[in-house]
Protein backbone atom coordinates (compact mmCIF):
# COMPACT_ATOMS: atom_id res chain seq x y z
CA MET A 1 -14.46 6.16 -15.54
CA LYS A 2 -11.17 4.56 -14.50
CA ARG A 3 -10.76 7.05 -11.66
CA LEU A 4 -14.26 6.34 -10.32
CA LEU A 5 -13.66 2.61 -10.35
CA PHE A 6 -10.30 3.09 -8.70
CA TRP A 7 -12.05 4.82 -5.79
CA ILE A 8 -14.58 1.99 -5.58
CA ILE A 9 -11.69 -0.44 -5.12
CA VAL A 10 -10.06 1.83 -2.58
CA GLY A 11 -13.32 1.99 -0.63
CA ILE A 12 -13.64 -1.79 -0.58
CA VAL A 13 -10.08 -2.30 0.53
CA GLY A 14 -10.59 0.21 3.30
CA ALA A 15 -9.13 3.32 1.73
CA ASN A 16 -5.63 2.19 2.55
CA PRO A 17 -3.81 2.74 4.93
CA GLY A 18 -4.63 -0.64 6.21
CA VAL A 19 -4.75 -3.50 3.79
CA CYS A 20 -5.35 -5.78 6.76
CA GLU A 21 -5.08 -3.43 9.71
CA GLY A 22 -6.07 -5.90 12.39
CA GLN A 23 -3.19 -8.23 11.66
CA ALA A 24 -0.55 -5.86 13.00
CA ASN A 25 -2.30 -4.83 16.20
CA ASN A 26 0.14 -6.78 18.37
CA TYR A 27 2.79 -4.29 17.29
CA ASN A 28 0.63 -1.16 17.36
CA ALA A 29 2.86 1.42 18.97
CA GLY A 30 1.88 4.16 16.50
CA SER A 31 4.46 6.40 14.91
CA ASP A 32 4.92 8.15 18.26
CA PRO A 33 8.59 8.77 19.05
CA ASN A 34 7.80 7.65 22.62
CA VAL A 35 7.48 3.98 21.69
CA SER A 36 8.30 2.01 24.80
CA LYS A 37 11.43 -0.10 25.02
CA ALA A 38 9.28 -3.24 25.23
CA GLU A 39 7.40 -2.30 22.07
CA SER A 40 10.60 -1.36 20.31
CA SER A 41 12.09 -4.71 21.30
CA GLU A 42 9.05 -6.54 19.90
CA ILE A 43 9.33 -4.65 16.63
CA GLU A 44 13.02 -5.54 16.36
CA LYS A 45 12.22 -9.22 17.02
CA LEU A 46 9.59 -9.05 14.28
CA ARG A 47 12.06 -7.41 11.90
CA GLN A 48 14.66 -10.09 12.64
CA LYS A 49 12.14 -12.85 11.88
CA ALA A 50 11.13 -11.06 8.68
CA GLU A 51 14.74 -10.74 7.56
CA GLU A 52 15.16 -14.48 8.21
CA GLY A 53 12.33 -15.13 5.75
CA ASP A 54 9.34 -15.62 8.09
CA ALA A 55 6.32 -14.87 5.88
CA ASP A 56 4.00 -13.85 8.74
CA ALA A 57 6.59 -11.42 10.08
CA GLN A 58 7.19 -10.01 6.61
CA PHE A 59 3.48 -9.49 6.08
CA ASN A 60 3.06 -7.83 9.48
CA LEU A 61 5.97 -5.46 8.76
CA GLY A 62 4.32 -4.59 5.45
CA ILE A 63 1.10 -3.75 7.29
CA MET A 64 2.96 -1.71 9.89
CA TYR A 65 4.76 0.37 7.26
CA ASP A 66 1.56 0.75 5.27
CA ASN A 67 -0.34 2.02 8.33
CA GLY A 68 2.49 3.77 10.15
CA LYS A 69 1.84 1.71 13.29
CA GLY A 70 4.91 1.15 15.41
CA VAL A 71 7.09 2.56 12.64
CA GLU A 72 7.07 5.69 10.53
CA GLN A 73 4.69 5.24 7.58
CA ASP A 74 6.70 4.35 4.50
CA TYR A 75 4.89 2.96 1.46
CA LYS A 76 8.11 1.93 -0.30
CA GLU A 77 9.10 -0.12 2.72
CA ALA A 78 5.58 -1.61 2.85
CA VAL A 79 5.93 -2.63 -0.81
CA LYS A 80 9.33 -4.19 -0.06
CA TRP A 81 7.85 -6.45 2.62
CA PHE A 82 4.63 -7.22 0.72
CA ARG A 83 6.74 -8.23 -2.30
CA LYS A 84 8.91 -10.57 -0.22
CA VAL A 85 5.91 -12.36 1.19
CA ALA A 86 3.97 -12.27 -2.09
CA GLU A 87 6.84 -13.98 -3.88
CA GLN A 88 6.60 -16.79 -1.32
CA GLY A 89 3.01 -17.39 -2.44
CA TYR A 90 1.31 -15.78 0.57
CA ALA A 91 -2.15 -14.64 -0.60
CA ASP A 92 -2.46 -11.74 1.85
CA GLY A 93 0.90 -10.39 0.71
CA GLN A 94 -0.10 -10.77 -2.94
CA PHE A 95 -3.32 -8.90 -2.26
CA GLY A 96 -1.46 -6.18 -0.35
CA LEU A 97 1.03 -5.75 -3.17
CA GLY A 98 -1.83 -5.58 -5.67
CA VAL A 99 -3.44 -2.80 -3.65
CA MET A 100 -0.19 -0.85 -3.54
CA TYR A 101 0.09 -1.06 -7.35
CA ALA A 102 -3.58 -0.15 -7.83
CA GLU A 103 -3.19 2.89 -5.61
CA GLY A 104 0.31 3.86 -6.70
CA GLN A 105 1.62 3.88 -3.15
CA GLY A 106 5.32 3.09 -2.85
CA VAL A 107 5.37 2.17 -6.55
CA GLU A 108 4.24 3.75 -9.78
CA GLN A 109 0.54 3.10 -10.28
CA ASP A 110 0.22 0.08 -12.58
CA TYR A 111 -3.14 -1.62 -13.01
CA LYS A 112 -1.65 -4.52 -15.00
CA GLU A 113 0.75 -5.27 -12.17
CA ALA A 114 -2.13 -4.94 -9.68
CA VAL A 115 -4.14 -7.46 -11.71
CA LYS A 116 -1.17 -9.84 -11.73
CA TRP A 117 -1.00 -9.85 -7.92
CA PHE A 118 -4.79 -9.89 -7.42
CA ARG A 119 -4.91 -12.92 -9.73
CA GLU A 120 -2.23 -14.74 -7.72
CA ALA A 121 -4.19 -14.18 -4.49
CA ALA A 122 -7.57 -14.88 -6.12
CA GLU A 123 -6.37 -18.27 -7.35
CA GLN A 124 -5.80 -19.16 -3.69
CA GLY A 125 -9.38 -18.25 -2.81
CA ASP A 126 -8.86 -14.73 -1.43
CA ALA A 127 -12.32 -13.15 -1.79
CA LYS A 128 -11.09 -9.53 -1.70
CA ALA A 129 -8.61 -10.29 -4.46
CA GLN A 130 -11.28 -12.08 -6.50
CA TYR A 131 -13.50 -9.02 -6.33
CA ASN A 132 -10.70 -6.58 -7.14
CA LEU A 133 -9.53 -8.80 -9.97
CA GLY A 134 -12.99 -8.67 -11.52
CA VAL A 135 -13.24 -4.91 -11.19
CA THR A 136 -9.76 -4.17 -12.49
CA ASN A 137 -10.06 -6.64 -15.37
CA GLN A 138 -13.38 -5.19 -16.46
CA TYR A 139 -12.70 -1.49 -16.13
CA MET A 140 -9.07 -0.60 -15.67
CA VAL A 141 -6.86 -2.76 -17.83
């Protein structure tokens, strides 16, 4: 039963990769080794902003690593950036981190931790998190 409900959540989220795919399209160079110098420069600017604490840049890097767009796909790196932005109270980052825990990507699968992050985002009005919180609370925890 838990496995079936897990796949329902995955389907609603978009079967990750891509917690919020559209938000990183400005940096969509793919994981192609032939990323142009201009695109590479934009990615480095984004990384610099993220390292300086810019929540939007951190979230976008998380999306890029989650999807493998502009960078090599790396779920652990995606979790790193989602966690940074989630800890700043950014609902999209909290939702993204919850998804990573629910799916066990980049972290050990942990439904209680997923619920924690879905709850944080849901309390800010994030509808996807509210739905996932209800499903995980009812069936997986």
